[in-house]
Amino acid sequence: MKPLKEKKERALGTRLFLKADRCNSPKCVMVRRPFRPGQHGQKRHTVSEFGKQLQEKQKIQFLYGLNNRQMMNLFRAYREKGKILQALEHRLDRVVFLIGFADSPRIARQLISHGHIMVNGRKVTIPSFRFSVGDTVSIRPESKKLKLFEGLNDKFKKYTPPAWLAIDAQKLEGKCVREFDMAEAQLPFDVSVVGEFYAR
């Protein structure tokens, strides 16, 4: 049986970086088998408008680890595309991944829920915590010795985060220097299409 995460990426036809560094290597399933899973996966498929909306919705769900209720609340709370993307990108689990503490969004969520991450010097265990301008994120001192964080100093020296985030390689700390700007984003989904799904 093929891993569920890889099947989801193939079914949705895009890389969602659910398998950490594997998604950036030639072993990535979207490089080796860039077609839908199943016996008829390589045949051309016609997707309805509703089907496209559902696919884009699922991309967001799998990328950010959201359930249906969280998705509904998000699109009810924000009407503008930019505000929705800001709410998604400013989630603490997303920031932990983008800063470089974790190799995938899923691992970032685990690090937070297990109490390894601090915001402004205080432990936060809620992956959906809103990370704001001026906030700093760091690893709990007691957790730095874990194997999960080996080699971070070297990684930080070579890694460049998105422009709205900054890292301090010496302190192993990240900071939000400004709001996320959707003009700089290269995200594998279309928020507008998902908005149409919830506007039905």
C-alpha atoms as a PDB file:
ATOM      1  CA  MET A   1       0.000   0.000   0.000  1.00  0.00           C
ATOM      2  CA  LYS A   2       1.385   3.396  -0.975  1.00  0.00           C
ATOM      3  CA  PRO A   3       1.737   5.976   1.831  1.00  0.00           C
ATOM      4  CA  LEU A   4      -1.457   7.992   2.277  1.00  0.00           C
ATOM      5  CA  LYS A   5       0.390  11.332   2.165  1.00  0.00           C
ATOM      6  CA  GLU A   6       1.925  10.557  -1.225  1.00  0.00           C
ATOM      7  CA  LYS A   7      -1.440   9.393  -2.577  1.00  0.00           C
ATOM      8  CA  LYS A   8      -3.002  12.689  -1.540  1.00  0.00           C
ATOM      9  CA  GLU A   9      -0.336  14.687  -3.363  1.00  0.00           C
ATOM     10  CA  ARG A  10      -0.786  12.613  -6.510  1.00  0.00           C
ATOM     11  CA  ALA A  11      -4.586  12.860  -6.331  1.00  0.00           C
ATOM     12  CA  LEU A  12      -4.391  16.645  -6.016  1.00  0.00           C
ATOM     13  CA  GLY A  13      -1.632  16.943  -8.611  1.00  0.00           C
ATOM     14  CA  THR A  14       0.759  19.129  -6.623  1.00  0.00           C
ATOM     15  CA  ARG A  15       3.566  19.020  -4.081  1.00  0.00           C
ATOM     16  CA  LEU A  16       2.314  19.775  -0.579  1.00  0.00           C
ATOM     17  CA  PHE A  17       5.626  18.985   1.169  1.00  0.00           C
ATOM     18  CA  LEU A  18       3.980  16.463   3.455  1.00  0.00           C
ATOM     19  CA  LYS A  19       7.031  14.164   3.422  1.00  0.00           C
ATOM     20  CA  ALA A  20       9.666  16.650   4.617  1.00  0.00           C
ATOM     21  CA  ASP A  21      12.926  16.724   2.595  1.00  0.00           C
ATOM     22  CA  ARG A  22      11.741  13.909   0.320  1.00  0.00           C
ATOM     23  CA  CYS A  23       9.574  16.459  -1.515  1.00  0.00           C
ATOM     24  CA  ASN A  24      12.703  18.396  -2.497  1.00  0.00           C
ATOM     25  CA  SER A  25      14.536  15.352  -3.838  1.00  0.00           C
ATOM     26  CA  PRO A  26      14.327  13.168  -6.957  1.00  0.00           C
ATOM     27  CA  LYS A  27      12.530  10.626  -4.736  1.00  0.00           C
ATOM     28  CA  CYS A  28       9.511  12.916  -4.528  1.00  0.00           C
ATOM     29  CA  VAL A  29       6.400  11.056  -5.631  1.00  0.00           C
ATOM     30  CA  MET A  30       5.399  13.980  -7.896  1.00  0.00           C
ATOM     31  CA  VAL A  31       8.678  13.492  -9.784  1.00  0.00           C
ATOM     32  CA  ARG A  32       8.531   9.706 -10.009  1.00  0.00           C
ATOM     33  CA  ARG A  33       4.775   9.323 -10.600  1.00  0.00           C
ATOM     34  CA  PRO A  34       3.237  12.705 -11.554  1.00  0.00           C
ATOM     35  CA  PHE A  35      -0.222  11.271 -12.211  1.00  0.00           C
ATOM     36  CA  ARG A  36      -3.275  10.280 -10.187  1.00  0.00           C
ATOM     37  CA  PRO A  37      -3.089   7.068  -8.123  1.00  0.00           C
ATOM     38  CA  GLY A  38      -5.049   3.996  -9.129  1.00  0.00           C
ATOM     39  CA  GLN A  39      -5.462   1.774 -12.167  1.00  0.00           C
ATOM     40  CA  HIS A  40      -6.696   4.602 -14.402  1.00  0.00           C
ATOM     41  CA  GLY A  41      -4.482   7.325 -12.968  1.00  0.00           C
ATOM     42  CA  GLN A  42      -2.640   8.093 -16.197  1.00  0.00           C
ATOM     43  CA  LYS A  43      -5.808   8.666 -18.191  1.00  0.00           C
ATOM     44  CA  ARG A  44      -7.038  12.207 -18.804  1.00  0.00           C
ATOM     45  CA  HIS A  45      -9.698  13.274 -16.297  1.00  0.00           C
ATOM     46  CA  THR A  46     -12.319  15.992 -16.709  1.00  0.00           C
ATOM     47  CA  VAL A  47     -12.950  17.790 -13.420  1.00  0.00           C
ATOM     48  CA  SER A  48     -16.163  19.733 -12.821  1.00  0.00           C
ATOM     49  CA  GLU A  49     -16.189  23.238 -11.361  1.00  0.00           C
ATOM     50  CA  PHE A  50     -17.282  21.817  -8.013  1.00  0.00           C
ATOM     51  CA  GLY A  51     -14.521  19.215  -8.256  1.00  0.00           C
ATOM     52  CA  LYS A  52     -11.918  21.962  -8.759  1.00  0.00           C
ATOM     53  CA  GLN A  53     -13.232  23.852  -5.734  1.00  0.00           C
ATOM     54  CA  LEU A  54     -13.070  20.687  -3.639  1.00  0.00           C
ATOM     55  CA  GLN A  55      -9.499  19.964  -4.762  1.00  0.00           C
ATOM     56  CA  GLU A  56      -8.289  23.454  -3.851  1.00  0.00           C
ATOM     57  CA  LYS A  57     -10.041  23.174  -0.484  1.00  0.00           C
ATOM     58  CA  GLN A  58      -8.308  19.853   0.198  1.00  0.00           C
ATOM     59  CA  LYS A  59      -4.910  21.314  -0.719  1.00  0.00           C
ATOM     60  CA  ILE A  60      -5.305  23.936   2.010  1.00  0.00           C
ATOM     61  CA  GLN A  61      -6.570  21.355   4.488  1.00  0.00           C
ATOM     62  CA  PHE A  62      -3.660  18.973   3.973  1.00  0.00           C
ATOM     63  CA  LEU A  63      -1.009  21.690   3.783  1.00  0.00           C
ATOM     64  CA  TYR A  64      -2.083  23.432   7.001  1.00  0.00           C
ATOM     65  CA  GLY A  65      -3.589  20.446   8.828  1.00  0.00           C
ATOM     66  CA  LEU A  66      -7.096  21.924   9.093  1.00  0.00           C
ATOM     67  CA  ASN A  67     -10.383  20.091   9.534  1.00  0.00           C
ATOM     68  CA  ASN A  68     -13.683  21.035   7.880  1.00  0.00           C
ATOM     69  CA  ARG A  69     -14.902  23.137  10.817  1.00  0.00           C
ATOM     70  CA  GLN A  70     -11.652  25.122  10.955  1.00  0.00           C
ATOM     71  CA  MET A  71     -11.856  25.747   7.218  1.00  0.00           C
ATOM     72  CA  MET A  72     -15.454  26.945   7.467  1.00  0.00           C
ATOM     73  CA  ASN A  73     -14.638  29.274  10.381  1.00  0.00           C
ATOM     74  CA  LEU A  74     -11.641  30.682   8.494  1.00  0.00           C
ATOM     75  CA  PHE A  75     -13.617  31.579   5.376  1.00  0.00           C
ATOM     76  CA  ARG A  76     -16.484  32.994   7.452  1.00  0.00           C
ATOM     77  CA  ALA A  77     -14.129  35.192   9.499  1.00  0.00           C
ATOM     78  CA  TYR A  78     -12.211  36.592   6.510  1.00  0.00           C
ATOM     79  CA  ARG A  79     -13.646  37.616   3.165  1.00  0.00           C
ATOM     80  CA  GLU A  80     -10.519  39.002   1.515  1.00  0.00           C
ATOM     81  CA  LYS A  81      -7.998  36.694  -0.120  1.00  0.00           C
ATOM     82  CA  GLY A  82      -5.062  38.512   1.478  1.00  0.00           C
ATOM     83  CA  LYS A  83      -6.522  38.246   4.990  1.00  0.00           C
ATOM     84  CA  ILE A  84      -7.181  34.519   4.574  1.00  0.00           C
ATOM     85  CA  LEU A  85      -3.617  33.894   3.422  1.00  0.00           C
ATOM     86  CA  GLN A  86      -2.250  35.992   6.297  1.00  0.00           C
ATOM     87  CA  ALA A  87      -4.282  33.978   8.789  1.00  0.00           C
ATOM     88  CA  LEU A  88      -2.900  30.746   7.325  1.00  0.00           C
ATOM     89  CA  GLU A  89       0.724  31.822   6.985  1.00  0.00           C
ATOM     90  CA  HIS A  90       0.846  33.426  10.454  1.00  0.00           C
ATOM     91  CA  ARG A  91      -0.149  30.176  12.186  1.00  0.00           C
ATOM     92  CA  LEU A  92       2.625  29.125  14.567  1.00  0.00           C
ATOM     93  CA  ASP A  93       3.033  25.689  12.978  1.00  0.00           C
ATOM     94  CA  ARG A  94       3.510  27.303   9.574  1.00  0.00           C
ATOM     95  CA  VAL A  95       6.071  29.755  10.990  1.00  0.00           C
ATOM     96  CA  VAL A  96       8.023  26.963  12.721  1.00  0.00           C
ATOM     97  CA  PHE A  97       8.239  25.197   9.350  1.00  0.00           C
ATOM     98  CA  LEU A  98       9.161  28.339   7.381  1.00  0.00           C
ATOM     99  CA  ILE A  99      11.786  29.386   9.935  1.00  0.00           C
ATOM    100  CA  GLY A 100      13.462  26.003   9.487  1.00  0.00           C
ATOM    101  CA  PHE A 101      12.923  24.352  12.862  1.00  0.00           C
ATOM    102  CA  ALA A 102      10.973  21.535  11.173  1.00  0.00           C
ATOM    103  CA  ASP A 103      11.324  19.778   7.811  1.00  0.00           C
ATOM    104  CA  SER A 104       7.569  19.623   7.182  1.00  0.00           C
ATOM    105  CA  PRO A 105       4.365  21.277   8.448  1.00  0.00           C
ATOM    106  CA  ARG A 106       3.325  17.985  10.082  1.00  0.00           C
ATOM    107  CA  ILE A 107       6.571  17.795  12.069  1.00  0.00           C
ATOM    108  CA  ALA A 108       6.142  21.465  13.048  1.00  0.00           C
ATOM    109  CA  ARG A 109       2.701  20.697  14.506  1.00  0.00           C
ATOM    110  CA  GLN A 110       4.179  17.824  16.517  1.00  0.00           C
ATOM    111  CA  LEU A 111       7.016  19.974  17.885  1.00  0.00           C
ATOM    112  CA  ILE A 112       4.518  22.565  19.098  1.00  0.00           C
ATOM    113  CA  SER A 113       1.991  20.156  20.609  1.00  0.00           C
ATOM    114  CA  HIS A 114       4.810  18.305  22.423  1.00  0.00           C
ATOM    115  CA  GLY A 115       5.950  21.540  24.067  1.00  0.00           C
ATOM    116  CA  HIS A 116       9.287  22.092  22.302  1.00  0.00           C
ATOM    117  CA  ILE A 117       8.519  25.585  20.942  1.00  0.00           C
ATOM    118  CA  MET A 118       8.452  28.969  22.691  1.00  0.00           C
ATOM    119  CA  VAL A 119       6.995  32.315  21.570  1.00  0.00           C
ATOM    120  CA  ASN A 120       8.426  35.417  23.240  1.00  0.00           C
ATOM    121  CA  GLY A 121      10.046  33.195  25.866  1.00  0.00           C
ATOM    122  CA  ARG A 122       6.877  31.292  26.797  1.00  0.00           C
ATOM    123  CA  LYS A 123       5.969  27.729  25.821  1.00  0.00           C
ATOM    124  CA  VAL A 124       3.082  27.502  23.348  1.00  0.00           C
ATOM    125  CA  THR A 125       1.408  24.160  22.560  1.00  0.00           C
ATOM    126  CA  ILE A 126      -1.295  25.370  20.154  1.00  0.00           C
ATOM    127  CA  PRO A 127      -0.307  24.952  16.451  1.00  0.00           C
ATOM    128  CA  SER A 128      -2.929  27.508  15.348  1.00  0.00           C
ATOM    129  CA  PHE A 129      -1.502  30.233  17.633  1.00  0.00           C
ATOM    130  CA  ARG A 130      -1.360  33.558  15.734  1.00  0.00           C
ATOM    131  CA  PHE A 131       2.245  34.683  15.233  1.00  0.00           C
ATOM    132  CA  SER A 132       2.329  38.482  15.019  1.00  0.00           C
ATOM    133  CA  VAL A 133       4.789  41.164  13.899  1.00  0.00           C
ATOM    134  CA  GLY A 134       7.538  41.512  16.517  1.00  0.00           C
ATOM    135  CA  ASP A 135       7.032  38.026  17.970  1.00  0.00           C
ATOM    136  CA  THR A 136      10.042  35.721  18.346  1.00  0.00           C
ATOM    137  CA  VAL A 137       9.995  31.940  18.128  1.00  0.00           C
ATOM    138  CA  SER A 138      12.624  29.694  19.665  1.00  0.00           C
ATOM    139  CA  ILE A 139      13.252  26.164  20.878  1.00  0.00           C
ATOM    140  CA  ARG A 140      12.692  25.427  24.554  1.00  0.00           C
ATOM    141  CA  PRO A 141      16.161  25.210  26.171  1.00  0.00           C
ATOM    142  CA  GLU A 142      15.476  21.725  27.527  1.00  0.00           C
ATOM    143  CA  SER A 143      14.582  20.522  24.024  1.00  0.00           C
ATOM    144  CA  LYS A 144      17.658  21.777  22.158  1.00  0.00           C
ATOM    145  CA  LYS A 145      19.602  18.613  22.988  1.00  0.00           C
ATOM    146  CA  LEU A 146      17.059  16.415  21.181  1.00  0.00           C
ATOM    147  CA  LYS A 147      18.156  14.639  18.005  1.00  0.00           C
ATOM    148  CA  LEU A 148      15.369  16.452  16.140  1.00  0.00           C
ATOM    149  CA  PHE A 149      17.342  19.687  16.376  1.00  0.00           C
ATOM    150  CA  GLU A 150      20.805  18.390  15.543  1.00  0.00           C
ATOM    151  CA  GLY A 151      22.575  20.405  12.851  1.00  0.00           C
ATOM    152  CA  LEU A 152      20.253  23.413  13.078  1.00  0.00           C
ATOM    153  CA  ASN A 153      23.165  25.857  13.446  1.00  0.00           C
ATOM    154  CA  ASP A 154      24.652  24.714  10.133  1.00  0.00           C
ATOM    155  CA  LYS A 155      21.227  24.649   8.470  1.00  0.00           C
ATOM    156  CA  PHE A 156      20.441  28.216   9.563  1.00  0.00           C
ATOM    157  CA  LYS A 157      23.718  29.535   8.137  1.00  0.00           C
ATOM    158  CA  LYS A 158      22.680  28.348   4.662  1.00  0.00           C
ATOM    159  CA  TYR A 159      18.921  28.819   4.910  1.00  0.00           C
ATOM    160  CA  THR A 160      16.991  31.952   3.895  1.00  0.00           C
ATOM    161  CA  PRO A 161      13.424  32.205   5.208  1.00  0.00           C
ATOM    162  CA  PRO A 162      10.622  34.180   3.501  1.00  0.00           C
ATOM    163  CA  ALA A 163      11.193  37.968   3.518  1.00  0.00           C
ATOM    164  CA  TRP A 164       8.628  38.577   6.283  1.00  0.00           C
ATOM    165  CA  LEU A 165      10.570  36.337   8.676  1.00  0.00           C
ATOM    166  CA  ALA A 166      14.149  36.625   9.966  1.00  0.00           C
ATOM    167  CA  ILE A 167      16.410  34.119  11.716  1.00  0.00           C
ATOM    168  CA  ASP A 168      19.277  34.466  14.159  1.00  0.00           C
ATOM    169  CA  ALA A 169      21.579  31.489  13.546  1.00  0.00           C
ATOM    170  CA  GLN A 170      23.500  32.072  16.775  1.00  0.00           C
ATOM    171  CA  LYS A 171      20.460  32.203  19.050  1.00  0.00           C
ATOM    172  CA  LEU A 172      18.476  29.628  17.021  1.00  0.00           C
ATOM    173  CA  GLU A 173      15.637  32.126  16.999  1.00  0.00           C
ATOM    174  CA  GLY A 174      13.182  33.424  14.429  1.00  0.00           C
ATOM    175  CA  LYS A 175      11.253  36.677  14.298  1.00  0.00           C
ATOM    176  CA  CYS A 176       8.315  38.132  12.391  1.00  0.00           C
ATOM    177  CA  VAL A 177       9.566  41.428  10.928  1.00  0.00           C
ATOM    178  CA  ARG A 178       6.402  42.335   8.991  1.00  0.00           C
ATOM    179  CA  GLU A 179       3.074  40.938   7.808  1.00  0.00           C
ATOM    180  CA  PHE A 180       2.966  38.214   5.187  1.00  0.00           C
ATOM    181  CA  ASP A 181       2.488  39.676   1.694  1.00  0.00           C
ATOM    182  CA  MET A 182       0.518  37.486  -0.697  1.00  0.00           C
ATOM    183  CA  ALA A 183       2.259  39.173  -3.666  1.00  0.00           C
ATOM    184  CA  GLU A 184       5.416  37.269  -2.671  1.00  0.00           C
ATOM    185  CA  ALA A 185       3.683  33.945  -2.166  1.00  0.00           C
ATOM    186  CA  GLN A 186       4.048  30.883  -4.352  1.00  0.00           C
ATOM    187  CA  LEU A 187       1.415  28.663  -2.795  1.00  0.00           C
ATOM    188  CA  PRO A 188       0.067  25.502  -4.482  1.00  0.00           C
ATOM    189  CA  PHE A 189      -3.615  26.457  -4.209  1.00  0.00           C
ATOM    190  CA  ASP A 190      -6.091  29.152  -5.249  1.00  0.00           C
ATOM    191  CA  VAL A 191      -7.874  30.756  -2.290  1.00  0.00           C
ATOM    192  CA  SER A 192     -10.414  32.458  -4.568  1.00  0.00           C
ATOM    193  CA  VAL A 193     -11.668  29.090  -5.828  1.00  0.00           C
ATOM    194  CA  VAL A 194     -12.094  27.862  -2.240  1.00  0.00           C
ATOM    195  CA  GLY A 195     -13.977  31.050  -1.424  1.00  0.00           C
ATOM    196  CA  GLU A 196     -16.444  30.137  -4.182  1.00  0.00           C
ATOM    197  CA  PHE A 197     -16.877  26.705  -2.541  1.00  0.00           C
ATOM    198  CA  TYR A 198     -17.945  28.314   0.772  1.00  0.00           C
ATOM    199  CA  ALA A 199     -20.073  30.948  -0.968  1.00  0.00           C
ATOM    200  CA  ARG A 200     -22.393  28.284  -2.408  1.00  0.00           C
END
